[in-house]
Amino acid sequence: MKLEIYNTLRERIIYLEYEPGSILNEQNLANEFKVSRTTLRAALFRLEWEHLIKILPRTGIQVTELELNRIINVYQARLEIEDAIGRIAAKRFTQAHTERLTQLLTTCDPLLNNKNAKALTAIDFEIKDIFYEAVGNPYLKETAQRWYALTFRLWYFNLMKMDDDNWNKEVLSVKDELTALSAVLSEKHPIQVGQTRKAHLRNHLERIRTTFFSLSDDF
């Protein structure tokens, strides 16, 4: 039950159902999940450790704000870990992993001129899951997932606010990443796989930074 509560709250936070900076009531959450506050706190402590919430005495639970400088710091750390994951995974990629990447390519074009932020982010999640599975290192996976969650909300916020042109650019960026990864994986160059992941994440960060400054007044 504690894991289910944690997963539910985490999903609400990263998909902005709970707005950044908003205050949640602990007793209301306990009532919703039909658990004691003690049971609820186990999930809350984990979310606080992951920097997704802050537990404020006598105030409530605050969803962490979207702070661009902090998020950029996390992106800088992600650049290195995604590079490492790419290099390690490339040495362990199987035919099944390759087929999953190829299949994902077919899911991109239907999203052009068809805005569906959850569908696009699901593709990104799947790309990462394929690489985590290939790496087979639970510690790398846990760290990468935790850092990804800290940057994901800003990307999702941008996706929700994008006009059609920027949306299509974002879809094509995901498609380009899949195409580039498939190419370097087929050539069996682990270092290039890591560099490709790093380069696409760096480009992703630049788009995020540019778009956020133009949209931040809306939040």
N, C-alpha and C. Protein backbone atom coordinates (compact mmCIF):
# COMPACT_ATOMS: atom_id res chain seq x y z
N MET A 1 0.82 -1.21 0.00
CA MET A 1 0.00 0.00 0.00
C MET A 1 0.86 1.26 0.00
N LYS A 2 1.97 1.25 0.80
CA LYS A 2 2.83 2.43 0.84
C LYS A 2 3.44 2.72 -0.53
N LEU A 3 3.82 1.66 -1.25
CA LEU A 3 4.38 1.85 -2.59
C LEU A 3 3.33 2.39 -3.54
N GLU A 4 2.11 1.91 -3.42
CA GLU A 4 1.02 2.39 -4.27
C GLU A 4 0.75 3.87 -4.01
N ILE A 5 0.76 4.27 -2.74
CA ILE A 5 0.56 5.67 -2.39
C ILE A 5 1.69 6.52 -2.96
N TYR A 6 2.91 6.06 -2.77
CA TYR A 6 4.08 6.77 -3.28
C TYR A 6 3.98 6.95 -4.80
N ASN A 7 3.68 5.88 -5.51
CA ASN A 7 3.60 5.95 -6.98
C ASN A 7 2.51 6.90 -7.44
N THR A 8 1.36 6.87 -6.75
CA THR A 8 0.25 7.74 -7.12
C THR A 8 0.61 9.21 -6.91
N LEU A 9 1.17 9.52 -5.74
CA LEU A 9 1.54 10.90 -5.44
C LEU A 9 2.65 11.39 -6.37
N ARG A 10 3.61 10.53 -6.63
CA ARG A 10 4.72 10.90 -7.51
C ARG A 10 4.20 11.22 -8.91
N GLU A 11 3.28 10.40 -9.41
CA GLU A 11 2.73 10.64 -10.74
C GLU A 11 1.95 11.95 -10.78
N ARG A 12 1.18 12.23 -9.74
CA ARG A 12 0.43 13.48 -9.70
C ARG A 12 1.37 14.68 -9.69
N ILE A 13 2.49 14.54 -9.00
CA ILE A 13 3.45 15.64 -8.93
C ILE A 13 4.12 15.86 -10.28
N ILE A 14 4.65 14.80 -10.88
CA ILE A 14 5.43 15.01 -12.11
C ILE A 14 4.55 15.39 -13.29
N TYR A 15 3.28 14.98 -13.27
CA TYR A 15 2.37 15.38 -14.34
C TYR A 15 1.59 16.65 -13.99
N LEU A 16 2.04 17.35 -12.94
CA LEU A 16 1.54 18.67 -12.59
C LEU A 16 0.08 18.69 -12.16
N GLU A 17 -0.47 17.53 -11.78
CA GLU A 17 -1.80 17.54 -11.18
C GLU A 17 -1.76 18.30 -9.86
N TYR A 18 -0.63 18.19 -9.17
CA TYR A 18 -0.34 19.06 -8.04
C TYR A 18 0.62 20.14 -8.54
N GLU A 19 0.18 21.37 -8.57
CA GLU A 19 1.00 22.43 -9.14
C GLU A 19 2.22 22.71 -8.27
N PRO A 20 3.35 23.04 -8.89
CA PRO A 20 4.53 23.42 -8.12
C PRO A 20 4.22 24.56 -7.15
N GLY A 21 4.66 24.39 -5.91
CA GLY A 21 4.41 25.40 -4.89
C GLY A 21 3.11 25.22 -4.13
N SER A 22 2.23 24.35 -4.61
CA SER A 22 0.95 24.16 -3.93
C SER A 22 1.14 23.41 -2.61
N ILE A 23 0.20 23.62 -1.69
CA ILE A 23 0.24 23.01 -0.37
C ILE A 23 -0.78 21.88 -0.30
N LEU A 24 -0.33 20.71 0.11
CA LEU A 24 -1.20 19.55 0.27
C LEU A 24 -1.46 19.31 1.75
N ASN A 25 -2.65 18.84 2.05
CA ASN A 25 -3.03 18.57 3.44
C ASN A 25 -2.82 17.10 3.77
N GLU A 26 -2.02 16.84 4.77
CA GLU A 26 -1.67 15.46 5.11
C GLU A 26 -2.89 14.64 5.52
N GLN A 27 -3.77 15.24 6.32
CA GLN A 27 -4.94 14.50 6.77
C GLN A 27 -5.87 14.19 5.60
N ASN A 28 -6.02 15.13 4.70
CA ASN A 28 -6.87 14.88 3.53
C ASN A 28 -6.33 13.73 2.68
N LEU A 29 -5.01 13.69 2.53
CA LEU A 29 -4.40 12.60 1.77
C LEU A 29 -4.58 11.27 2.48
N ALA A 30 -4.41 11.27 3.80
CA ALA A 30 -4.61 10.04 4.57
C ALA A 30 -6.04 9.55 4.42
N ASN A 31 -6.99 10.48 4.44
CA ASN A 31 -8.39 10.10 4.27
C ASN A 31 -8.64 9.55 2.86
N GLU A 32 -8.05 10.18 1.86
CA GLU A 32 -8.24 9.73 0.48
C GLU A 32 -7.75 8.30 0.29
N PHE A 33 -6.58 8.00 0.83
CA PHE A 33 -5.99 6.67 0.64
C PHE A 33 -6.44 5.66 1.70
N LYS A 34 -7.24 6.17 2.65
CA LYS A 34 -7.78 5.30 3.72
C LYS A 34 -6.66 4.61 4.50
N VAL A 35 -5.68 5.43 4.89
CA VAL A 35 -4.57 4.93 5.70
C VAL A 35 -4.33 5.90 6.85
N SER A 36 -3.54 5.46 7.81
CA SER A 36 -3.16 6.34 8.91
C SER A 36 -2.13 7.35 8.41
N ARG A 37 -1.97 8.44 9.15
CA ARG A 37 -0.96 9.43 8.78
C ARG A 37 0.44 8.84 8.89
N THR A 38 0.62 7.91 9.80
CA THR A 38 1.92 7.24 9.94
C THR A 38 2.26 6.47 8.67
N THR A 39 1.29 5.74 8.14
CA THR A 39 1.51 5.00 6.89
C THR A 39 1.78 5.95 5.73
N LEU A 40 1.01 7.03 5.66
CA LEU A 40 1.18 8.02 4.60
C LEU A 40 2.58 8.63 4.63
N ARG A 41 3.09 8.87 5.83
CA ARG A 41 4.37 9.56 5.96
C ARG A 41 5.53 8.78 5.36
N ALA A 42 5.43 7.47 5.34
CA ALA A 42 6.49 6.67 4.72
C ALA A 42 6.66 7.06 3.26
N ALA A 43 5.52 7.27 2.57
CA ALA A 43 5.57 7.70 1.17
C ALA A 43 6.03 9.15 1.06
N LEU A 44 5.57 9.99 1.99
CA LEU A 44 5.94 11.40 1.95
C LEU A 44 7.44 11.60 2.20
N PHE A 45 7.99 10.84 3.14
CA PHE A 45 9.42 10.96 3.42
C PHE A 45 10.25 10.61 2.19
N ARG A 46 9.80 9.58 1.45
CA ARG A 46 10.52 9.20 0.23
C ARG A 46 10.45 10.33 -0.80
N LEU A 47 9.28 10.92 -0.97
CA LEU A 47 9.12 12.01 -1.93
C LEU A 47 9.93 13.24 -1.52
N GLU A 48 10.03 13.48 -0.21
CA GLU A 48 10.85 14.60 0.25
C GLU A 48 12.32 14.33 -0.01
N TRP A 49 12.75 13.09 0.23
CA TRP A 49 14.14 12.72 -0.04
C TRP A 49 14.47 12.90 -1.52
N GLU A 50 13.49 12.69 -2.39
CA GLU A 50 13.68 12.86 -3.83
C GLU A 50 13.52 14.31 -4.28
N HIS A 51 13.29 15.22 -3.32
CA HIS A 51 13.18 16.66 -3.59
C HIS A 51 11.95 17.01 -4.43
N LEU A 52 10.92 16.19 -4.34
CA LEU A 52 9.67 16.49 -5.04
C LEU A 52 8.68 17.23 -4.16
N ILE A 53 8.84 17.11 -2.84
CA ILE A 53 8.01 17.85 -1.90
C ILE A 53 8.87 18.35 -0.75
N LYS A 54 8.30 19.28 0.03
CA LYS A 54 8.90 19.70 1.30
C LYS A 54 7.83 19.54 2.38
N ILE A 55 8.18 18.90 3.47
CA ILE A 55 7.26 18.77 4.60
C ILE A 55 7.49 19.95 5.52
N LEU A 56 6.49 20.82 5.65
CA LEU A 56 6.61 22.05 6.42
C LEU A 56 5.84 21.90 7.73
N PRO A 57 6.50 21.94 8.87
CA PRO A 57 5.82 21.78 10.16
C PRO A 57 4.71 22.81 10.33
N ARG A 58 3.56 22.33 10.76
CA ARG A 58 2.38 23.15 11.06
C ARG A 58 1.84 23.90 9.84
N THR A 59 2.32 23.54 8.67
CA THR A 59 1.84 24.18 7.44
C THR A 59 1.23 23.16 6.49
N GLY A 60 1.95 22.11 6.21
CA GLY A 60 1.48 21.09 5.28
C GLY A 60 2.61 20.57 4.43
N ILE A 61 2.27 20.09 3.28
CA ILE A 61 3.24 19.50 2.36
C ILE A 61 3.29 20.39 1.12
N GLN A 62 4.43 20.94 0.86
CA GLN A 62 4.57 21.82 -0.31
C GLN A 62 5.22 21.07 -1.47
N VAL A 63 4.55 21.12 -2.60
CA VAL A 63 5.14 20.57 -3.82
C VAL A 63 6.29 21.48 -4.24
N THR A 64 7.44 20.89 -4.52
CA THR A 64 8.63 21.67 -4.84
C THR A 64 8.39 22.59 -6.04
N GLU A 65 8.86 23.82 -5.91
CA GLU A 65 8.73 24.80 -6.99
C GLU A 65 9.58 24.38 -8.19
N LEU A 66 9.24 24.94 -9.34
CA LEU A 66 10.08 24.79 -10.53
C LEU A 66 11.11 25.92 -10.51
N GLU A 67 12.32 25.59 -10.10
CA GLU A 67 13.39 26.58 -10.03
C GLU A 67 14.41 26.27 -11.12
N LEU A 68 14.50 27.16 -12.10
CA LEU A 68 15.28 26.87 -13.30
C LEU A 68 16.75 26.58 -12.98
N ASN A 69 17.36 27.36 -12.10
CA ASN A 69 18.78 27.15 -11.80
C ASN A 69 19.02 25.78 -11.19
N ARG A 70 18.15 25.37 -10.29
CA ARG A 70 18.30 24.05 -9.66
C ARG A 70 18.10 22.95 -10.71
N ILE A 71 17.13 23.13 -11.57
CA ILE A 71 16.86 22.12 -12.59
C ILE A 71 18.02 22.01 -13.57
N ILE A 72 18.62 23.14 -13.92
CA ILE A 72 19.78 23.11 -14.81
C ILE A 72 20.93 22.35 -14.16
N ASN A 73 21.11 22.52 -12.84
CA ASN A 73 22.14 21.76 -12.14
C ASN A 73 21.90 20.26 -12.26
N VAL A 74 20.63 19.86 -12.15
CA VAL A 74 20.31 18.44 -12.28
C VAL A 74 20.58 17.97 -13.71
N TYR A 75 20.21 18.81 -14.68
CA TYR A 75 20.49 18.45 -16.08
C TYR A 75 21.98 18.23 -16.30
N GLN A 76 22.82 19.06 -15.69
CA GLN A 76 24.26 18.91 -15.85
C GLN A 76 24.73 17.55 -15.32
N ALA A 77 24.15 17.13 -14.20
CA ALA A 77 24.48 15.81 -13.67
C ALA A 77 23.95 14.71 -14.59
N ARG A 78 22.75 14.93 -15.13
CA ARG A 78 22.15 13.94 -16.02
C ARG A 78 22.98 13.74 -17.29
N LEU A 79 23.60 14.79 -17.76
CA LEU A 79 24.42 14.66 -18.97
C LEU A 79 25.48 13.58 -18.80
N GLU A 80 26.06 13.51 -17.62
CA GLU A 80 27.13 12.54 -17.39
C GLU A 80 26.58 11.13 -17.17
N ILE A 81 25.50 11.02 -16.41
CA ILE A 81 24.99 9.68 -16.12
C ILE A 81 24.34 9.07 -17.37
N GLU A 82 23.69 9.88 -18.20
CA GLU A 82 23.09 9.34 -19.41
C GLU A 82 24.16 8.90 -20.41
N ASP A 83 25.28 9.61 -20.43
CA ASP A 83 26.42 9.21 -21.25
C ASP A 83 26.92 7.84 -20.79
N ALA A 84 27.09 7.69 -19.48
CA ALA A 84 27.58 6.41 -18.95
C ALA A 84 26.61 5.27 -19.23
N ILE A 85 25.32 5.54 -19.04
CA ILE A 85 24.31 4.52 -19.30
C ILE A 85 24.33 4.11 -20.77
N GLY A 86 24.48 5.09 -21.66
CA GLY A 86 24.54 4.77 -23.09
C GLY A 86 25.71 3.88 -23.43
N ARG A 87 26.88 4.18 -22.88
CA ARG A 87 28.07 3.40 -23.18
C ARG A 87 27.95 1.96 -22.65
N ILE A 88 27.45 1.84 -21.43
CA ILE A 88 27.33 0.50 -20.84
C ILE A 88 26.25 -0.31 -21.55
N ALA A 89 25.10 0.33 -21.79
CA ALA A 89 23.98 -0.37 -22.42
C ALA A 89 24.35 -0.86 -23.82
N ALA A 90 25.12 -0.05 -24.55
CA ALA A 90 25.46 -0.41 -25.93
C ALA A 90 26.19 -1.74 -26.01
N LYS A 91 26.95 -2.07 -24.99
CA LYS A 91 27.70 -3.33 -24.97
C LYS A 91 26.79 -4.52 -24.65
N ARG A 92 25.59 -4.24 -24.16
CA ARG A 92 24.71 -5.31 -23.69
C ARG A 92 23.39 -5.35 -24.43
N PHE A 93 23.26 -4.50 -25.45
CA PHE A 93 22.01 -4.44 -26.20
C PHE A 93 21.75 -5.77 -26.90
N THR A 94 20.51 -6.23 -26.83
CA THR A 94 20.11 -7.45 -27.51
C THR A 94 19.25 -7.10 -28.72
N GLN A 95 18.93 -8.09 -29.50
CA GLN A 95 18.04 -7.88 -30.64
C GLN A 95 16.67 -7.40 -30.18
N ALA A 96 16.23 -7.91 -29.03
CA ALA A 96 14.93 -7.49 -28.49
C ALA A 96 14.93 -6.00 -28.15
N HIS A 97 16.02 -5.52 -27.57
CA HIS A 97 16.12 -4.09 -27.27
C HIS A 97 16.09 -3.27 -28.55
N THR A 98 16.81 -3.71 -29.56
CA THR A 98 16.84 -3.00 -30.84
C THR A 98 15.46 -2.95 -31.47
N GLU A 99 14.74 -4.05 -31.41
CA GLU A 99 13.40 -4.09 -32.00
C GLU A 99 12.45 -3.15 -31.27
N ARG A 100 12.61 -3.04 -29.96
CA ARG A 100 11.75 -2.11 -29.20
C ARG A 100 12.02 -0.67 -29.61
N LEU A 101 13.29 -0.32 -29.80
CA LEU A 101 13.62 1.03 -30.26
C LEU A 101 13.03 1.29 -31.64
N THR A 102 13.15 0.32 -32.53
CA THR A 102 12.62 0.47 -33.89
C THR A 102 11.11 0.65 -33.86
N GLN A 103 10.44 -0.10 -33.01
CA GLN A 103 8.99 0.01 -32.90
C GLN A 103 8.57 1.39 -32.40
N LEU A 104 9.36 1.96 -31.51
CA LEU A 104 9.04 3.29 -30.99
C LEU A 104 9.06 4.35 -32.09
N LEU A 105 9.89 4.15 -33.09
CA LEU A 105 9.95 5.11 -34.20
C LEU A 105 8.60 5.30 -34.87
N THR A 106 7.83 4.23 -34.94
CA THR A 106 6.54 4.28 -35.62
C THR A 106 5.50 5.05 -34.81
N THR A 107 5.80 5.30 -33.53
CA THR A 107 4.82 6.00 -32.68
C THR A 107 5.01 7.51 -32.71
N CYS A 108 6.05 7.99 -33.37
CA CYS A 108 6.33 9.43 -33.38
C CYS A 108 5.48 10.20 -34.39
N ASP A 109 5.48 9.76 -35.64
CA ASP A 109 4.78 10.51 -36.69
C ASP A 109 3.30 10.78 -36.39
N PRO A 110 2.55 9.83 -35.79
CA PRO A 110 1.15 10.13 -35.49
C PRO A 110 0.96 11.30 -34.52
N LEU A 111 2.04 11.70 -33.82
CA LEU A 111 1.92 12.81 -32.88
C LEU A 111 2.18 14.16 -33.52
N LEU A 112 2.66 14.17 -34.77
CA LEU A 112 2.83 15.44 -35.47
C LEU A 112 1.47 16.08 -35.71
N ASN A 113 1.36 17.36 -35.33
CA ASN A 113 0.08 18.08 -35.43
C ASN A 113 -1.02 17.42 -34.62
N ASN A 114 -0.64 16.67 -33.63
CA ASN A 114 -1.61 15.96 -32.78
C ASN A 114 -1.07 15.97 -31.35
N LYS A 115 -1.29 17.08 -30.67
CA LYS A 115 -0.65 17.31 -29.38
C LYS A 115 -1.20 16.38 -28.31
N ASN A 116 -0.30 15.57 -27.76
CA ASN A 116 -0.63 14.65 -26.67
C ASN A 116 0.63 14.49 -25.83
N ALA A 117 0.75 15.33 -24.82
CA ALA A 117 1.98 15.39 -24.03
C ALA A 117 2.27 14.07 -23.33
N LYS A 118 1.24 13.42 -22.82
CA LYS A 118 1.49 12.16 -22.12
C LYS A 118 1.98 11.08 -23.08
N ALA A 119 1.47 11.09 -24.30
CA ALA A 119 1.91 10.09 -25.28
C ALA A 119 3.37 10.31 -25.66
N LEU A 120 3.77 11.58 -25.84
CA LEU A 120 5.16 11.86 -26.21
C LEU A 120 6.10 11.51 -25.06
N THR A 121 5.72 11.88 -23.85
CA THR A 121 6.60 11.57 -22.72
C THR A 121 6.65 10.07 -22.47
N ALA A 122 5.60 9.35 -22.82
CA ALA A 122 5.63 7.89 -22.67
C ALA A 122 6.70 7.28 -23.58
N ILE A 123 6.88 7.86 -24.77
CA ILE A 123 7.94 7.38 -25.67
C ILE A 123 9.30 7.61 -25.02
N ASP A 124 9.47 8.79 -24.43
CA ASP A 124 10.74 9.10 -23.78
C ASP A 124 11.01 8.17 -22.60
N PHE A 125 9.97 7.90 -21.82
CA PHE A 125 10.10 6.94 -20.71
C PHE A 125 10.54 5.57 -21.24
N GLU A 126 9.94 5.16 -22.34
CA GLU A 126 10.24 3.83 -22.88
C GLU A 126 11.68 3.75 -23.39
N ILE A 127 12.16 4.82 -24.03
CA ILE A 127 13.56 4.84 -24.47
C ILE A 127 14.47 4.60 -23.27
N LYS A 128 14.20 5.33 -22.21
CA LYS A 128 15.04 5.20 -21.02
C LYS A 128 14.92 3.81 -20.41
N ASP A 129 13.72 3.28 -20.36
CA ASP A 129 13.53 1.94 -19.79
C ASP A 129 14.32 0.88 -20.57
N ILE A 130 14.36 1.02 -21.89
CA ILE A 130 15.11 0.07 -22.72
C ILE A 130 16.60 0.11 -22.33
N PHE A 131 17.12 1.31 -22.18
CA PHE A 131 18.54 1.44 -21.82
C PHE A 131 18.81 0.97 -20.40
N TYR A 132 17.90 1.30 -19.46
CA TYR A 132 18.09 0.83 -18.08
C TYR A 132 18.09 -0.69 -18.03
N GLU A 133 17.19 -1.29 -18.79
CA GLU A 133 17.10 -2.75 -18.82
C GLU A 133 18.38 -3.35 -19.39
N ALA A 134 18.90 -2.73 -20.44
CA ALA A 134 20.12 -3.24 -21.05
C ALA A 134 21.31 -3.11 -20.10
N VAL A 135 21.38 -2.01 -19.37
CA VAL A 135 22.48 -1.80 -18.43
C VAL A 135 22.46 -2.85 -17.32
N GLY A 136 21.26 -3.10 -16.78
CA GLY A 136 21.13 -4.11 -15.74
C GLY A 136 21.75 -3.72 -14.41
N ASN A 137 21.87 -2.42 -14.15
CA ASN A 137 22.45 -1.94 -12.90
C ASN A 137 21.39 -1.16 -12.12
N PRO A 138 20.85 -1.72 -11.04
CA PRO A 138 19.75 -1.07 -10.33
C PRO A 138 20.13 0.27 -9.71
N TYR A 139 21.41 0.45 -9.37
CA TYR A 139 21.83 1.70 -8.74
C TYR A 139 21.88 2.83 -9.77
N LEU A 140 22.41 2.54 -10.94
CA LEU A 140 22.37 3.53 -12.02
C LEU A 140 20.93 3.87 -12.38
N LYS A 141 20.10 2.87 -12.47
CA LYS A 141 18.69 3.08 -12.83
C LYS A 141 17.99 3.95 -11.81
N GLU A 142 18.17 3.65 -10.53
CA GLU A 142 17.49 4.41 -9.48
C GLU A 142 17.92 5.87 -9.50
N THR A 143 19.21 6.10 -9.63
CA THR A 143 19.71 7.48 -9.66
C THR A 143 19.22 8.22 -10.89
N ALA A 144 19.30 7.57 -12.04
CA ALA A 144 18.87 8.21 -13.29
C ALA A 144 17.38 8.55 -13.25
N GLN A 145 16.56 7.64 -12.73
CA GLN A 145 15.12 7.88 -12.65
C GLN A 145 14.81 9.04 -11.70
N ARG A 146 15.53 9.10 -10.59
CA ARG A 146 15.30 10.16 -9.61
C ARG A 146 15.66 11.51 -10.20
N TRP A 147 16.78 11.59 -10.89
CA TRP A 147 17.18 12.86 -11.50
C TRP A 147 16.25 13.24 -12.65
N TYR A 148 15.79 12.24 -13.38
CA TYR A 148 14.87 12.51 -14.49
C TYR A 148 13.58 13.13 -13.97
N ALA A 149 13.07 12.62 -12.86
CA ALA A 149 11.83 13.15 -12.29
C ALA A 149 11.98 14.63 -11.92
N LEU A 150 13.17 15.02 -11.48
CA LEU A 150 13.40 16.40 -11.08
C LEU A 150 13.39 17.36 -12.26
N THR A 151 13.70 16.87 -13.45
CA THR A 151 13.70 17.72 -14.64
C THR A 151 12.44 17.54 -15.48
N PHE A 152 11.74 16.45 -15.27
CA PHE A 152 10.60 16.10 -16.13
C PHE A 152 9.49 17.14 -16.05
N ARG A 153 9.21 17.64 -14.84
CA ARG A 153 8.07 18.56 -14.69
C ARG A 153 8.23 19.80 -15.56
N LEU A 154 9.45 20.31 -15.66
CA LEU A 154 9.66 21.51 -16.48
C LEU A 154 9.41 21.20 -17.95
N TRP A 155 9.87 20.04 -18.39
CA TRP A 155 9.61 19.64 -19.78
C TRP A 155 8.11 19.48 -20.01
N TYR A 156 7.43 18.82 -19.09
CA TYR A 156 6.00 18.58 -19.26
C TYR A 156 5.22 19.91 -19.25
N PHE A 157 5.62 20.81 -18.38
CA PHE A 157 5.00 22.13 -18.34
C PHE A 157 5.14 22.82 -19.70
N ASN A 158 6.36 22.76 -20.26
CA ASN A 158 6.60 23.36 -21.57
C ASN A 158 5.75 22.71 -22.66
N LEU A 159 5.68 21.38 -22.62
CA LEU A 159 4.89 20.66 -23.63
C LEU A 159 3.43 21.10 -23.59
N MET A 160 2.89 21.28 -22.40
CA MET A 160 1.49 21.64 -22.27
C MET A 160 1.20 23.04 -22.81
N LYS A 161 2.23 23.89 -22.81
CA LYS A 161 2.03 25.28 -23.22
C LYS A 161 2.46 25.57 -24.66
N MET A 162 3.10 24.60 -25.31
CA MET A 162 3.69 24.84 -26.64
C MET A 162 2.65 25.12 -27.72
N ASP A 163 3.06 25.97 -28.68
CA ASP A 163 2.24 26.12 -29.88
C ASP A 163 2.54 24.94 -30.82
N ASP A 164 1.81 24.87 -31.92
CA ASP A 164 1.91 23.71 -32.81
C ASP A 164 3.31 23.55 -33.40
N ASP A 165 3.94 24.66 -33.77
CA ASP A 165 5.27 24.57 -34.39
C ASP A 165 6.29 23.99 -33.42
N ASN A 166 6.29 24.50 -32.20
CA ASN A 166 7.25 24.00 -31.21
C ASN A 166 6.93 22.57 -30.80
N TRP A 167 5.64 22.24 -30.77
CA TRP A 167 5.25 20.86 -30.47
C TRP A 167 5.83 19.91 -31.52
N ASN A 168 5.67 20.25 -32.78
CA ASN A 168 6.19 19.39 -33.85
C ASN A 168 7.71 19.27 -33.78
N LYS A 169 8.39 20.37 -33.42
CA LYS A 169 9.84 20.30 -33.24
C LYS A 169 10.22 19.32 -32.13
N GLU A 170 9.42 19.30 -31.09
CA GLU A 170 9.71 18.41 -29.97
C GLU A 170 9.50 16.95 -30.37
N VAL A 171 8.44 16.69 -31.11
CA VAL A 171 8.19 15.33 -31.60
C VAL A 171 9.33 14.88 -32.51
N LEU A 172 9.73 15.76 -33.42
CA LEU A 172 10.81 15.41 -34.35
C LEU A 172 12.14 15.22 -33.62
N SER A 173 12.32 15.93 -32.53
CA SER A 173 13.54 15.75 -31.74
C SER A 173 13.61 14.36 -31.14
N VAL A 174 12.48 13.89 -30.61
CA VAL A 174 12.43 12.53 -30.05
C VAL A 174 12.66 11.51 -31.17
N LYS A 175 12.04 11.75 -32.32
CA LYS A 175 12.24 10.84 -33.45
C LYS A 175 13.70 10.84 -33.91
N ASP A 176 14.31 12.02 -33.96
CA ASP A 176 15.71 12.12 -34.37
C ASP A 176 16.62 11.36 -33.40
N GLU A 177 16.30 11.45 -32.11
CA GLU A 177 17.10 10.73 -31.12
C GLU A 177 17.01 9.22 -31.35
N LEU A 178 15.81 8.73 -31.58
CA LEU A 178 15.63 7.31 -31.85
C LEU A 178 16.40 6.87 -33.10
N THR A 179 16.32 7.69 -34.14
CA THR A 179 17.03 7.37 -35.39
C THR A 179 18.54 7.34 -35.18
N ALA A 180 19.04 8.36 -34.48
CA ALA A 180 20.48 8.44 -34.24
C ALA A 180 20.97 7.30 -33.36
N LEU A 181 20.21 6.98 -32.32
CA LEU A 181 20.61 5.88 -31.43
C LEU A 181 20.62 4.55 -32.18
N SER A 182 19.60 4.33 -33.00
CA SER A 182 19.55 3.09 -33.77
C SER A 182 20.76 2.96 -34.68
N ALA A 183 21.18 4.08 -35.27
CA ALA A 183 22.31 4.06 -36.20
C ALA A 183 23.61 3.72 -35.48
N VAL A 184 23.89 4.39 -34.36
CA VAL A 184 25.17 4.14 -33.68
C VAL A 184 25.17 2.79 -32.97
N LEU A 185 24.01 2.33 -32.54
CA LEU A 185 23.94 1.00 -31.94
C LEU A 185 24.24 -0.08 -32.98
N SER A 186 23.74 0.12 -34.19
CA SER A 186 23.98 -0.87 -35.25
C SER A 186 25.45 -0.94 -35.64
N GLU A 187 26.16 0.18 -35.44
CA GLU A 187 27.59 0.22 -35.75
C GLU A 187 28.45 -0.28 -34.60
N LYS A 188 27.78 -0.55 -33.46
CA LYS A 188 28.47 -1.11 -32.28
C LYS A 188 29.62 -0.22 -31.81
N HIS A 189 29.27 1.05 -31.60
CA HIS A 189 30.24 2.01 -31.07
C HIS A 189 29.71 2.55 -29.74
N PRO A 190 30.04 1.89 -28.62
CA PRO A 190 29.50 2.30 -27.32
C PRO A 190 29.77 3.76 -26.97
N ILE A 191 30.97 4.24 -27.25
CA ILE A 191 31.29 5.63 -26.91
C ILE A 191 30.39 6.59 -27.67
N GLN A 192 30.14 6.29 -28.94
CA GLN A 192 29.26 7.15 -29.74
C GLN A 192 27.82 7.09 -29.25
N VAL A 193 27.40 5.94 -28.74
CA VAL A 193 26.05 5.84 -28.18
C VAL A 193 25.93 6.78 -26.99
N GLY A 194 26.92 6.74 -26.09
CA GLY A 194 26.90 7.64 -24.94
C GLY A 194 26.92 9.10 -25.37
N GLN A 195 27.75 9.42 -26.34
CA GLN A 195 27.84 10.80 -26.83
C GLN A 195 26.55 11.25 -27.49
N THR A 196 25.89 10.33 -28.18
CA THR A 196 24.61 10.66 -28.83
C THR A 196 23.55 10.99 -27.79
N ARG A 197 23.47 10.17 -26.76
CA ARG A 197 22.50 10.44 -25.68
C ARG A 197 22.80 11.78 -25.02
N LYS A 198 24.06 12.04 -24.79
CA LYS A 198 24.47 13.29 -24.14
C LYS A 198 24.14 14.49 -25.02
N ALA A 199 24.42 14.39 -26.31
CA ALA A 199 24.16 15.49 -27.24
C ALA A 199 22.68 15.81 -27.33
N HIS A 200 21.85 14.79 -27.40
CA HIS A 200 20.41 15.03 -27.49
C HIS A 200 19.86 15.61 -26.20
N LEU A 201 20.41 15.19 -25.06
CA LEU A 201 19.97 15.77 -23.79
C LEU A 201 20.40 17.23 -23.69
N ARG A 202 21.58 17.55 -24.18
CA ARG A 202 22.04 18.94 -24.17
C ARG A 202 21.14 19.81 -25.05
N ASN A 203 20.77 19.32 -26.22
CA ASN A 203 19.86 20.06 -27.09
C ASN A 203 18.48 20.21 -26.44
N HIS A 204 18.05 19.16 -25.77
CA HIS A 204 16.78 19.18 -25.05
C HIS A 204 16.81 20.28 -23.99
N LEU A 205 17.91 20.37 -23.25
CA LEU A 205 18.04 21.40 -22.22
C LEU A 205 17.97 22.79 -22.81
N GLU A 206 18.60 23.01 -23.94
CA GLU A 206 18.57 24.33 -24.56
C GLU A 206 17.16 24.71 -25.00
N ARG A 207 16.41 23.75 -25.52
CA ARG A 207 15.02 24.04 -25.90
C ARG A 207 14.18 24.35 -24.67
N ILE A 208 14.41 23.58 -23.61
CA ILE A 208 13.68 23.81 -22.35
C ILE A 208 13.96 25.21 -21.83
N ARG A 209 15.23 25.57 -21.79
CA ARG A 209 15.62 26.87 -21.25
C ARG A 209 14.98 28.01 -22.05
N THR A 210 15.03 27.90 -23.37
CA THR A 210 14.47 28.94 -24.23
C THR A 210 12.96 29.04 -24.07
N THR A 211 12.30 27.90 -24.08
CA THR A 211 10.84 27.89 -24.00
C THR A 211 10.36 28.34 -22.63
N PHE A 212 11.07 27.94 -21.57
CA PHE A 212 10.63 28.29 -20.22
C PHE A 212 10.62 29.80 -20.02
N PHE A 213 11.63 30.48 -20.52
CA PHE A 213 11.68 31.93 -20.33
C PHE A 213 10.53 32.62 -21.04
N SER A 214 10.05 32.04 -22.14
CA SER A 214 8.94 32.66 -22.87
C SER A 214 7.59 32.30 -22.27
N LEU A 215 7.56 31.26 -21.42
CA LEU A 215 6.29 30.79 -20.87
C LEU A 215 6.15 30.98 -19.37
N SER A 216 7.22 31.32 -18.67
CA SER A 216 7.22 31.28 -17.21
C SER A 216 6.17 32.19 -16.58
N ASP A 217 5.80 33.27 -17.24
CA ASP A 217 4.78 34.16 -16.69
C ASP A 217 3.41 33.51 -16.64
N ASP A 218 3.23 32.41 -17.36
CA ASP A 218 1.93 31.74 -17.40
C ASP A 218 1.71 30.82 -16.20
N PHE A 219 2.75 30.58 -15.42
CA PHE A 219 2.62 29.60 -14.34
C PHE A 219 2.43 30.31 -13.01
